[in-house]
Amino acid sequence: MIQIAVVGKIGSGKTFVATLLRMPVFNADKQVANIYKSNKECFLKLKKKIPKFVQSFPINKKEISEAILENKKNLNIIAKIIHPLVRKKLKIFLKKNKNKKAIVLDIPLYFENKLNKKNDIIIYVNAKNDEIKKRLKKRPKFNQKILNRFNKIQLKSSFKKKKARYIINNNFNSKIIKNKINIIKREILKNEY
């Protein structure tokens, strides 16, 4: 099974690119949202560690955001509780899809959490900073300070670009991106089989 990881800056269009590949996708952000909604054990751990912010179940993402804004150490506390749960979900996903030709990993902290394997195919989604900013500001719960916190824990783009087999320049024109993705997908499947 081929593992394709889609990486890039927050707001660069990684999830869009991942879905365009039309393969089973593991979306870490969706998994986190799901954990907040349905995992009582996670709630109890977070309530114990950051009781000022996490008070009721299901966990409200706004409370998590407030905890991160108040103290950057809270981001580490949350990550230590959430990341093992996401890894468990990833293991289940990989097992479930082990007979597929290829799968896609849409994991924002893919390198940072050392999830990369030697033979993974990396697609880096490159986008202009001003375009990213414009798009992020349209998101309903956009918060510049939280974005800055997350950007600080990400590895440099130059590192990710070096690791990438493919770099897609996303100009946010879906027709152009679809064509680029189809070419890359054909190439990956042809070369790996």
Protein backbone atom coordinates (compact mmCIF):
# COMPACT_ATOMS: atom_id res chain seq x y z
CA MET A 1 0.00 0.00 0.00
CA ILE A 2 1.29 3.42 -0.97
CA GLN A 3 1.08 6.14 1.71
CA ILE A 4 0.69 9.63 0.29
CA ALA A 5 1.07 12.46 2.79
CA VAL A 6 -0.25 15.89 1.88
CA VAL A 7 1.62 18.62 3.77
CA GLY A 8 1.83 22.41 3.70
CA LYS A 9 1.06 25.52 5.69
CA ILE A 10 -2.23 25.96 7.54
CA GLY A 11 -4.78 27.18 4.98
CA SER A 12 -2.74 26.18 1.91
CA GLY A 13 -5.43 23.78 0.65
CA LYS A 14 -4.10 20.43 1.92
CA THR A 15 -7.52 18.94 2.64
CA PHE A 16 -8.83 20.01 -0.77
CA VAL A 17 -5.84 18.36 -2.47
CA ALA A 18 -6.18 15.23 -0.30
CA THR A 19 -9.83 14.74 -1.30
CA LEU A 20 -9.06 15.33 -4.98
CA LEU A 21 -6.81 12.26 -4.96
CA ARG A 22 -10.01 10.19 -4.58
CA MET A 23 -8.49 7.59 -2.30
CA PRO A 24 -9.22 6.74 1.34
CA VAL A 25 -8.18 9.83 3.35
CA PHE A 26 -7.17 10.01 6.98
CA ASN A 27 -8.02 13.57 8.04
CA ALA A 28 -6.44 14.27 11.44
CA ASP A 29 -8.43 17.49 12.03
CA LYS A 30 -11.73 15.63 11.57
CA GLN A 31 -10.52 12.93 13.93
CA VAL A 32 -9.68 15.53 16.60
CA ALA A 33 -13.14 17.11 16.23
CA ASN A 34 -14.67 13.65 16.58
CA ILE A 35 -12.62 12.90 19.70
CA TYR A 36 -13.80 16.16 21.29
CA LYS A 37 -17.39 15.20 20.52
CA SER A 38 -17.40 11.57 21.53
CA ASN A 39 -14.45 10.56 23.73
CA LYS A 40 -15.41 10.82 27.40
CA GLU A 41 -11.96 9.60 28.55
CA CYS A 42 -10.28 12.46 26.66
CA PHE A 43 -12.73 14.91 28.23
CA LEU A 44 -11.93 13.67 31.75
CA LYS A 45 -8.17 13.93 31.15
CA LEU A 46 -8.45 17.45 29.75
CA LYS A 47 -10.82 18.49 32.55
CA LYS A 48 -8.25 17.29 35.09
CA LYS A 49 -5.32 19.09 33.39
CA ILE A 50 -7.03 22.33 32.33
CA PRO A 51 -10.20 22.54 34.51
CA LYS A 52 -10.49 26.28 34.04
CA PHE A 53 -11.31 25.73 30.36
CA VAL A 54 -12.72 22.24 29.89
CA GLN A 55 -15.85 21.90 31.97
CA SER A 56 -18.55 20.11 29.99
CA PHE A 57 -18.90 17.21 27.59
CA PRO A 58 -18.81 17.20 24.60
CA ILE A 59 -15.71 19.38 24.58
CA ASN A 60 -16.28 22.80 23.06
CA LYS A 61 -13.54 23.73 20.59
CA LYS A 62 -13.89 27.36 21.74
CA GLU A 63 -12.76 26.32 25.25
CA ILE A 64 -9.73 24.57 23.76
CA SER A 65 -8.91 27.73 21.79
CA GLU A 66 -9.18 29.86 24.93
CA ALA A 67 -6.85 27.50 26.80
CA ILE A 68 -4.27 27.73 24.00
CA LEU A 69 -4.53 31.53 23.93
CA GLU A 70 -4.14 31.94 27.66
CA ASN A 71 -0.96 29.89 27.97
CA LYS A 72 1.15 28.28 25.26
CA LYS A 73 1.96 25.42 27.66
CA ASN A 74 -1.68 24.39 27.38
CA LEU A 75 -1.12 23.49 23.73
CA ASN A 76 1.45 20.89 24.84
CA ILE A 77 -0.91 19.56 27.51
CA ILE A 78 -3.71 19.17 24.97
CA ALA A 79 -1.37 17.62 22.38
CA LYS A 80 -0.10 15.02 24.86
CA ILE A 81 -3.66 13.87 25.45
CA ILE A 82 -5.00 14.15 21.90
CA HIS A 83 -2.09 12.86 19.79
CA PRO A 84 -2.06 9.28 21.16
CA LEU A 85 -5.80 9.07 20.47
CA VAL A 86 -5.32 10.30 16.90
CA ARG A 87 -2.51 7.76 16.42
CA LYS A 88 -4.88 4.98 17.53
CA LYS A 89 -7.42 6.16 14.96
CA LEU A 90 -4.67 6.22 12.33
CA LYS A 91 -3.72 2.60 13.13
CA ILE A 92 -7.35 1.54 12.73
CA PHE A 93 -7.57 3.45 9.42
CA LEU A 94 -4.38 1.82 8.08
CA LYS A 95 -5.56 -1.64 9.10
CA LYS A 96 -8.98 -1.10 7.52
CA ASN A 97 -7.41 0.06 4.23
CA LYS A 98 -4.41 -2.28 4.10
CA ASN A 99 -5.61 -3.88 0.84
CA LYS A 100 -6.06 -0.59 -0.98
CA LYS A 101 -3.54 0.47 -3.64
CA ALA A 102 -2.96 3.78 -1.90
CA ILE A 103 -4.19 5.95 0.96
CA VAL A 104 -3.85 9.63 1.75
CA LEU A 105 -2.71 11.16 5.04
CA ASP A 106 -4.00 14.67 5.72
CA ILE A 107 -2.17 15.28 8.99
CA PRO A 108 -1.13 18.90 9.71
CA LEU A 109 1.76 17.89 12.03
CA TYR A 110 2.84 14.89 9.95
CA PHE A 111 6.60 15.55 10.20
CA GLU A 112 6.44 17.21 13.59
CA ASN A 113 4.87 14.07 15.11
CA LYS A 114 7.37 11.83 13.30
CA LEU A 115 4.68 9.95 11.37
CA ASN A 116 6.68 9.90 8.15
CA LYS A 117 7.90 6.58 6.84
CA LYS A 118 10.82 6.15 4.45
CA ASN A 119 8.70 5.20 1.43
CA ASP A 120 5.89 7.70 1.94
CA ILE A 121 5.20 9.93 -1.02
CA ILE A 122 5.03 13.54 0.09
CA ILE A 123 2.97 16.14 -1.75
CA TYR A 124 3.70 19.68 -0.57
CA VAL A 125 0.90 22.19 -1.18
CA ASN A 126 2.47 25.56 -1.75
CA ALA A 127 0.42 28.76 -1.66
CA LYS A 128 1.17 32.47 -1.41
CA ASN A 129 0.97 33.84 2.14
CA ASP A 130 -1.40 36.67 1.22
CA GLU A 131 -3.77 34.17 -0.47
CA ILE A 132 -3.64 31.91 2.59
CA LYS A 133 -4.40 34.87 4.91
CA LYS A 134 -7.32 35.96 2.76
CA ARG A 135 -8.80 32.44 2.84
CA LEU A 136 -8.19 31.88 6.57
CA LYS A 137 -9.96 35.13 7.45
CA LYS A 138 -13.10 33.74 5.78
CA ARG A 139 -13.15 30.76 8.18
CA PRO A 140 -15.92 31.13 10.80
CA LYS A 141 -13.71 30.79 13.89
CA PHE A 142 -10.51 32.33 12.54
CA ASN A 143 -8.17 33.62 15.23
CA GLN A 144 -4.78 35.09 14.28
CA LYS A 145 -3.21 34.44 17.71
CA ILE A 146 -4.11 30.74 17.63
CA LEU A 147 -2.81 30.51 14.07
CA ASN A 148 0.49 32.04 15.25
CA ARG A 149 0.75 29.46 18.08
CA PHE A 150 0.24 26.60 15.64
CA ASN A 151 2.63 28.08 13.10
CA LYS A 152 5.35 28.20 15.77
CA ILE A 153 5.21 24.44 16.33
CA GLN A 154 5.39 23.65 12.62
CA LEU A 155 8.66 22.82 10.90
CA LYS A 156 9.86 25.24 8.23
CA SER A 157 8.31 25.02 4.76
CA SER A 158 11.79 24.68 3.25
CA PHE A 159 12.28 21.41 5.18
CA LYS A 160 8.94 20.03 3.99
CA LYS A 161 9.60 21.08 0.40
CA LYS A 162 12.93 19.26 0.46
CA LYS A 163 11.20 16.08 1.65
CA ALA A 164 8.43 16.33 -0.96
CA ARG A 165 8.39 14.30 -4.16
CA TYR A 166 5.78 16.67 -5.59
CA ILE A 167 5.15 20.37 -5.00
CA ILE A 168 1.79 21.76 -6.07
CA ASN A 169 1.52 25.51 -6.39
CA ASN A 170 -2.03 26.19 -5.29
CA ASN A 171 -3.45 29.32 -6.85
CA PHE A 172 -6.90 28.25 -5.56
CA ASN A 173 -8.19 27.62 -9.09
CA SER A 174 -9.86 24.25 -8.61
CA LYS A 175 -9.78 23.28 -12.31
CA ILE A 176 -6.00 23.75 -12.54
CA ILE A 177 -5.44 21.92 -9.23
CA LYS A 178 -7.65 19.00 -10.34
CA ASN A 179 -5.58 18.59 -13.50
CA LYS A 180 -2.30 18.70 -11.55
CA ILE A 181 -3.61 16.14 -9.04
CA ASN A 182 -4.76 13.76 -11.77
CA ILE A 183 -1.32 13.85 -13.39
CA ILE A 184 0.41 13.22 -10.04
CA LYS A 185 -2.01 10.40 -9.14
CA ARG A 186 -1.43 8.63 -12.49
CA GLU A 187 2.32 9.00 -12.05
CA ILE A 188 2.30 7.63 -8.49
CA LEU A 189 0.15 4.62 -9.34
CA LYS A 190 2.13 3.89 -12.52
CA ASN A 191 5.54 4.13 -10.84
CA GLU A 192 4.66 2.21 -7.71
CA TYR A 193 2.96 -0.74 -9.43
